[in-house]
Amino acid sequence: MEWGFFHMKKEIMQFQKGLSLHGFQSNYGTEQQCRDALLALRWPEGFVCPDCGYDNGGFIKTRMLYQRYRCGRQTSVTAGTIFHSTKIPLTKWFLGIYFVTQSKNGVSALELMRLLGVAYNTAWRMKHKIMHVMLLRNNSKRIGGIIQVDDSYLGGEKTGGKRGRGAEGKTPFVAAVKTKNGHPVEIKLNCISRFSKKEIERWSRQHVHPGSSIVTDGLNCFSGVQDAGCAHSPIITGSGKKSSKHPAFKWVNTVLGNLKNSLSGTYHSFRPIHSARYLAEFQYRFNRRFKSGKMISRFVYVAARTSPCPDYLLALSEN
């Protein structure tokens, strides 16, 4: 008997090698390995004093600190980074980064708690600081070219409440997919305050390169991309399931479907104020899906250049 799955066509995305757990442990399995990796990514040319900018210093092994001979300042390899003042071993931080970046749909704080053997509140802070780095990195880059754009919402419907656009308790966000030769290249997922022409213009100026060609449905607010210097091609699709199957929006609808499945499958719920970070996590992994093996070092490089994020800032959401 022949089984059909032996003849299934291989999807490139499903067979990305990534970084195995064994490979991760070989590179980052000890505290010293993690410290050396962070040091090399933060100061590629060797330690540089954050105060005076000179590099003539030494390492105080008993205190795990670097000291500049000229000014006498002492600093740790984690000071001034997203790991600032952490009491958690770097091995657990790196392992947490590994699980968040390498898993297809991410991991919840509860699962991270179990995997790392830390308290839930600790896992939650780690998770949100990792997503914070992703969010800031995503926002530092703009998307450009031929882009499919759609409006969407996060949040469930209230019993007896309004459905769809304008429903209460939902977080509006813009979904954008850059395509090339008929395939998705990268995405942008950004929370906005409302779907208005002015807000779409603001979003476009911040996240889209001028001169890009943007395809949207007939929602009037999307004409705001023209005021930001982009070409706009609105397509009237109507409403209902038929509109979601329009070929002009194939990839943006596919991304939104995968996003919904990822969030609902991984997280029981999350507060609307944190929506931007959860969208950023999905975007970060998607845009690096063909470079997952290098994601740890690339992430730590950015984390080493991300300012500390104290607990009170974790309650805030950045668009």
Protein backbone atom coordinates (compact mmCIF):
# COMPACT_ATOMS: atom_id res chain seq x y z
CA MET A 1 0.00 0.00 0.00
CA GLU A 2 1.25 3.46 -0.88
CA TRP A 3 0.63 6.29 1.54
CA GLY A 4 0.00 9.72 0.06
CA PHE A 5 2.29 11.58 2.41
CA PHE A 6 5.34 9.98 0.79
CA HIS A 7 4.52 11.96 -2.32
CA MET A 8 3.70 15.30 -0.75
CA LYS A 9 5.40 18.28 -2.32
CA LYS A 10 7.97 19.80 0.00
CA GLU A 11 7.30 23.37 1.04
CA ILE A 12 10.48 25.42 1.42
CA MET A 13 9.28 27.02 4.65
CA GLN A 14 8.56 23.66 6.28
CA PHE A 15 12.10 22.41 5.72
CA GLN A 16 14.16 25.38 6.91
CA LYS A 17 17.03 24.05 9.00
CA GLY A 18 17.12 26.81 11.58
CA LEU A 19 19.28 26.24 14.66
CA SER A 20 18.93 22.90 16.42
CA LEU A 21 18.81 22.75 20.21
CA HIS A 22 22.07 20.81 20.13
CA GLY A 23 23.67 23.49 17.98
CA PHE A 24 22.37 26.18 20.31
CA GLN A 25 23.81 24.42 23.37
CA SER A 26 27.16 24.06 21.63
CA ASN A 27 27.33 27.81 21.02
CA TYR A 28 25.57 29.20 24.09
CA GLY A 29 25.45 26.39 26.63
CA THR A 30 27.53 28.08 29.34
CA GLU A 31 27.43 31.46 31.04
CA GLN A 32 30.90 32.26 29.71
CA GLN A 33 29.87 31.46 26.13
CA CYS A 34 26.85 33.75 26.42
CA ARG A 35 28.93 36.51 28.01
CA ASP A 36 31.61 36.22 25.32
CA ALA A 37 28.96 36.30 22.57
CA LEU A 38 27.32 39.39 24.04
CA LEU A 39 30.70 41.08 24.47
CA ALA A 40 31.69 40.35 20.87
CA LEU A 41 28.39 41.63 19.51
CA ARG A 42 28.32 44.72 21.72
CA TRP A 43 31.97 45.70 21.37
CA PRO A 44 33.37 43.96 18.25
CA GLU A 45 36.69 45.80 18.63
CA GLY A 46 36.93 45.15 22.37
CA PHE A 47 35.53 46.90 25.44
CA VAL A 48 34.81 50.62 25.07
CA CYS A 49 33.93 52.72 28.11
CA PRO A 50 30.36 54.09 27.86
CA ASP A 51 31.47 57.26 29.70
CA CYS A 52 34.72 58.39 28.11
CA GLY A 53 34.69 56.32 24.93
CA TYR A 54 38.23 54.98 25.37
CA ASP A 55 39.10 51.31 25.04
CA ASN A 56 42.05 51.00 27.41
CA GLY A 57 40.52 48.88 30.17
CA GLY A 58 40.55 45.52 31.87
CA PHE A 59 38.25 42.84 33.21
CA ILE A 60 37.75 42.31 36.96
CA LYS A 61 37.02 38.60 37.07
CA THR A 62 35.97 38.50 40.75
CA ARG A 63 33.15 40.98 40.05
CA MET A 64 32.54 40.15 36.36
CA LEU A 65 32.98 43.83 35.47
CA TYR A 66 35.00 45.81 32.95
CA GLN A 67 36.91 48.85 34.20
CA ARG A 68 38.31 51.75 32.21
CA TYR A 69 41.82 52.61 33.45
CA ARG A 70 41.45 56.30 32.59
CA CYS A 71 38.16 57.19 34.33
CA GLY A 72 37.85 54.20 36.67
CA ARG A 73 34.28 53.49 35.68
CA GLN A 74 33.14 49.89 36.07
CA THR A 75 30.47 48.39 33.86
CA SER A 76 29.09 44.96 33.12
CA VAL A 77 28.56 43.52 29.67
CA THR A 78 24.79 43.75 30.22
CA ALA A 79 24.69 47.37 31.49
CA GLY A 80 22.72 49.73 29.27
CA THR A 81 21.18 46.89 27.24
CA ILE A 82 17.85 45.07 27.38
CA PHE A 83 19.52 42.75 29.93
CA HIS A 84 20.35 45.67 32.24
CA SER A 85 20.40 44.80 35.98
CA THR A 86 19.13 41.29 35.30
CA LYS A 87 19.52 38.68 38.01
CA ILE A 88 18.71 35.91 35.56
CA PRO A 89 21.69 33.98 34.12
CA LEU A 90 22.48 34.83 30.52
CA THR A 91 22.13 31.14 29.69
CA LYS A 92 18.41 31.38 30.51
CA TRP A 93 18.06 34.65 28.61
CA PHE A 94 19.67 33.15 25.51
CA LEU A 95 17.59 30.00 25.82
CA GLY A 96 14.44 32.11 26.12
CA ILE A 97 15.44 34.02 22.98
CA TYR A 98 16.03 30.69 21.25
CA PHE A 99 12.53 29.38 22.05
CA VAL A 100 10.80 32.64 21.08
CA THR A 101 12.64 33.07 17.78
CA GLN A 102 12.95 29.48 16.59
CA SER A 103 9.47 28.12 17.27
CA LYS A 104 7.04 28.59 14.38
CA ASN A 105 4.29 30.21 16.45
CA GLY A 106 6.30 31.44 19.42
CA VAL A 107 5.83 30.40 23.04
CA SER A 108 3.63 31.85 25.74
CA ALA A 109 5.00 33.19 29.01
CA LEU A 110 3.47 30.17 30.75
CA GLU A 111 5.32 27.76 28.46
CA LEU A 112 8.50 29.80 28.82
CA MET A 113 8.15 29.47 32.59
CA ARG A 114 8.10 25.68 32.25
CA LEU A 115 10.92 25.52 29.72
CA LEU A 116 13.28 27.78 31.67
CA GLY A 117 12.34 26.78 35.19
CA VAL A 118 11.61 30.34 36.35
CA ALA A 119 8.66 32.03 38.05
CA TYR A 120 5.76 33.11 35.83
CA ASN A 121 6.33 36.83 36.43
CA THR A 122 9.98 36.39 35.47
CA ALA A 123 9.03 34.54 32.29
CA TRP A 124 6.45 37.22 31.44
CA ARG A 125 9.02 40.03 31.81
CA MET A 126 11.55 38.13 29.72
CA LYS A 127 8.99 37.42 27.03
CA HIS A 128 7.87 41.05 26.81
CA LYS A 129 11.41 42.41 26.82
CA ILE A 130 12.25 40.09 23.93
CA MET A 131 9.15 41.27 22.06
CA HIS A 132 10.07 44.87 22.92
CA VAL A 133 13.40 44.42 21.11
CA MET A 134 11.54 42.96 18.13
CA LEU A 135 9.10 45.87 18.07
CA LEU A 136 11.79 48.53 18.10
CA ARG A 137 13.77 46.69 15.42
CA ASN A 138 10.68 46.34 13.22
CA ASN A 139 9.86 50.02 13.58
CA SER A 140 13.37 51.01 12.50
CA LYS A 141 12.78 49.65 9.00
CA ARG A 142 10.26 50.68 6.35
CA ILE A 143 8.63 48.49 3.74
CA GLY A 144 8.64 49.38 0.03
CA GLY A 145 7.75 48.18 -3.45
CA ILE A 146 4.47 46.55 -4.42
CA ILE A 147 2.42 46.18 -1.24
CA GLN A 148 -0.94 44.61 -0.42
CA VAL A 149 -2.59 46.43 2.50
CA ASP A 150 -5.67 45.54 4.51
CA ASP A 151 -7.39 46.63 7.70
CA SER A 152 -7.86 44.19 10.55
CA TYR A 153 -8.61 43.95 14.27
CA LEU A 154 -7.43 42.06 17.31
CA GLY A 155 -9.90 41.09 19.99
CA GLY A 156 -13.05 39.02 20.30
CA GLU A 157 -16.59 40.14 19.71
CA LYS A 158 -18.69 41.12 22.67
CA THR A 159 -21.99 39.32 23.08
CA GLY A 160 -24.67 41.43 21.46
CA GLY A 161 -22.09 43.98 20.34
CA LYS A 162 -21.33 45.37 16.93
CA ARG A 163 -19.41 43.13 14.56
CA GLY A 164 -16.60 44.07 12.17
CA ARG A 165 -15.37 47.63 11.69
CA GLY A 166 -16.21 49.91 14.57
CA ALA A 167 -16.79 47.11 17.08
CA GLU A 168 -15.99 48.02 20.66
CA GLY A 169 -13.08 46.44 22.52
CA LYS A 170 -11.04 45.70 19.41
CA THR A 171 -7.57 46.91 18.50
CA PRO A 172 -7.30 48.13 14.89
CA PHE A 173 -4.11 47.36 13.00
CA VAL A 174 -2.76 47.63 9.47
CA ALA A 175 -1.48 44.52 7.71
CA ALA A 176 0.89 45.10 4.78
CA VAL A 177 2.63 42.50 2.62
CA LYS A 178 5.37 43.32 0.14
CA THR A 179 5.31 40.99 -2.86
CA LYS A 180 7.83 40.23 -5.57
CA ASN A 181 7.27 37.95 -8.54
CA GLY A 182 3.95 36.92 -7.04
CA HIS A 183 5.38 35.84 -3.67
CA PRO A 184 5.46 37.49 -0.23
CA VAL A 185 8.79 39.04 0.77
CA GLU A 186 8.16 40.84 4.04
CA ILE A 187 5.29 42.13 6.14
CA LYS A 188 4.32 45.03 8.39
CA LEU A 189 1.80 44.71 11.22
CA ASN A 190 1.14 47.97 13.07
CA CYS A 191 -1.51 49.03 15.56
CA ILE A 192 -3.19 52.36 14.80
CA SER A 193 -5.68 54.46 16.74
CA ARG A 194 -8.43 54.26 14.11
CA PHE A 195 -8.99 53.76 10.40
CA SER A 196 -9.03 57.36 9.24
CA LYS A 197 -7.34 59.02 6.28
CA LYS A 198 -5.08 61.06 8.55
CA GLU A 199 -4.03 58.01 10.58
CA ILE A 200 -3.27 55.98 7.45
CA GLU A 201 -1.17 58.86 6.14
CA ARG A 202 0.76 58.90 9.44
CA TRP A 203 1.24 55.13 9.30
CA SER A 204 2.45 55.30 5.70
CA ARG A 205 4.97 58.08 6.39
CA GLN A 206 6.42 56.12 9.30
CA HIS A 207 6.45 52.60 7.85
CA VAL A 208 6.40 52.79 4.02
CA HIS A 209 8.97 54.10 1.56
CA PRO A 210 7.63 56.95 -0.61
CA GLY A 211 6.97 55.86 -4.17
CA SER A 212 5.70 52.43 -3.18
CA SER A 213 2.70 51.01 -5.00
CA ILE A 214 -0.06 50.14 -2.55
CA VAL A 215 -3.09 48.00 -3.34
CA THR A 216 -6.06 48.20 -0.96
CA ASP A 217 -9.77 47.56 -0.89
CA GLY A 218 -12.26 50.41 -1.29
CA LEU A 219 -12.08 51.70 2.28
CA ASN A 220 -11.86 55.50 1.93
CA CYS A 221 -9.20 55.99 4.60
CA PHE A 222 -6.58 54.18 2.51
CA SER A 223 -6.39 57.15 0.14
CA GLY A 224 -4.18 58.65 2.86
CA VAL A 225 -1.21 56.75 1.42
CA GLN A 226 -1.23 59.15 -1.53
CA ASP A 227 -0.61 62.09 0.81
CA ALA A 228 2.48 60.20 2.01
CA GLY A 229 3.86 59.98 -1.52
CA CYS A 230 2.72 56.47 -2.47
CA ALA A 231 0.78 55.29 -5.51
CA HIS A 232 -2.63 53.93 -4.57
CA SER A 233 -4.69 51.31 -6.42
CA PRO A 234 -8.03 50.77 -4.64
CA ILE A 235 -10.03 47.69 -5.62
CA ILE A 236 -13.70 47.46 -4.72
CA THR A 237 -14.25 43.95 -3.40
CA GLY A 238 -17.61 44.17 -1.69
CA SER A 239 -18.05 42.40 1.62
CA GLY A 240 -18.23 38.89 3.03
CA LYS A 241 -16.17 35.80 2.20
CA LYS A 242 -16.01 36.70 -1.48
CA SER A 243 -13.90 39.78 -0.72
CA SER A 244 -11.37 37.75 1.25
CA LYS A 245 -10.75 35.50 -1.74
CA HIS A 246 -9.97 38.28 -4.20
CA PRO A 247 -6.63 37.41 -5.91
CA ALA A 248 -5.30 40.95 -5.42
CA PHE A 249 -5.25 40.34 -1.67
CA LYS A 250 -4.16 36.71 -1.65
CA TRP A 251 -1.03 37.16 0.45
CA VAL A 252 -2.28 39.72 2.93
CA ASN A 253 -5.29 37.51 3.65
CA THR A 254 -3.02 34.47 3.98
CA VAL A 255 -0.81 36.33 6.46
CA LEU A 256 -3.83 37.47 8.47
CA GLY A 257 -5.13 33.90 8.59
CA ASN A 258 -1.77 32.57 9.77
CA LEU A 259 -1.51 35.38 12.33
CA LYS A 260 -4.92 34.56 13.75
CA ASN A 261 -4.09 30.85 14.02
CA SER A 262 -0.71 31.61 15.60
CA LEU A 263 -2.11 33.94 18.27
CA SER A 264 -5.13 31.83 19.13
CA GLY A 265 -3.06 28.65 19.20
CA THR A 266 -0.27 30.00 21.41
CA TYR A 267 -1.91 32.55 23.70
CA HIS A 268 -5.09 32.16 25.70
CA SER A 269 -5.48 35.93 25.82
CA PHE A 270 -3.51 39.15 26.20
CA ARG A 271 -4.32 42.73 27.09
CA PRO A 272 -5.03 45.11 24.18
CA ILE A 273 -2.30 47.47 25.44
CA HIS A 274 0.27 44.79 24.56
CA SER A 275 -1.09 44.07 21.07
CA ALA A 276 1.75 45.90 19.29
CA ARG A 277 4.34 43.56 20.80
CA TYR A 278 2.50 40.38 19.84
CA LEU A 279 2.12 41.64 16.28
CA ALA A 280 5.82 42.56 16.28
CA GLU A 281 6.80 39.04 17.34
CA PHE A 282 4.92 37.47 14.42
CA GLN A 283 6.35 40.05 11.98
CA TYR A 284 9.91 39.60 13.25
CA ARG A 285 9.90 35.84 12.72
CA PHE A 286 8.12 36.03 9.36
CA ASN A 287 10.56 38.53 7.87
CA ARG A 288 13.51 36.34 8.94
CA ARG A 289 11.97 32.98 8.07
CA PHE A 290 14.76 32.16 5.61
CA LYS A 291 17.50 33.19 8.06
CA SER A 292 16.31 31.46 11.22
CA GLY A 293 19.73 29.87 11.79
CA LYS A 294 21.29 33.31 12.25
CA MET A 295 18.42 34.77 14.25
CA ILE A 296 20.00 34.33 17.70
CA SER A 297 23.16 36.29 16.94
CA ARG A 298 21.25 38.94 14.99
CA PHE A 299 18.75 39.35 17.81
CA VAL A 300 21.42 39.61 20.51
CA TYR A 301 23.25 42.20 18.40
CA VAL A 302 20.12 44.38 18.45
CA ALA A 303 19.36 43.59 22.12
CA ALA A 304 22.85 44.79 23.06
CA ARG A 305 21.97 48.14 21.48
CA THR A 306 18.47 48.41 22.94
CA SER A 307 18.10 50.66 25.98
CA PRO A 308 16.93 49.11 29.25
CA CYS A 309 13.20 48.52 29.53
CA PRO A 310 12.15 48.80 33.20
CA ASP A 311 8.98 47.11 34.40
CA TYR A 312 6.80 50.22 34.22
CA LEU A 313 7.57 50.56 30.50
CA LEU A 314 6.39 47.02 29.87
CA ALA A 315 2.86 48.25 30.56
CA LEU A 316 3.11 50.59 27.60
CA SER A 317 2.53 49.75 23.94
CA GLU A 318 4.47 51.43 21.14
CA ASN A 319 3.02 51.62 17.63
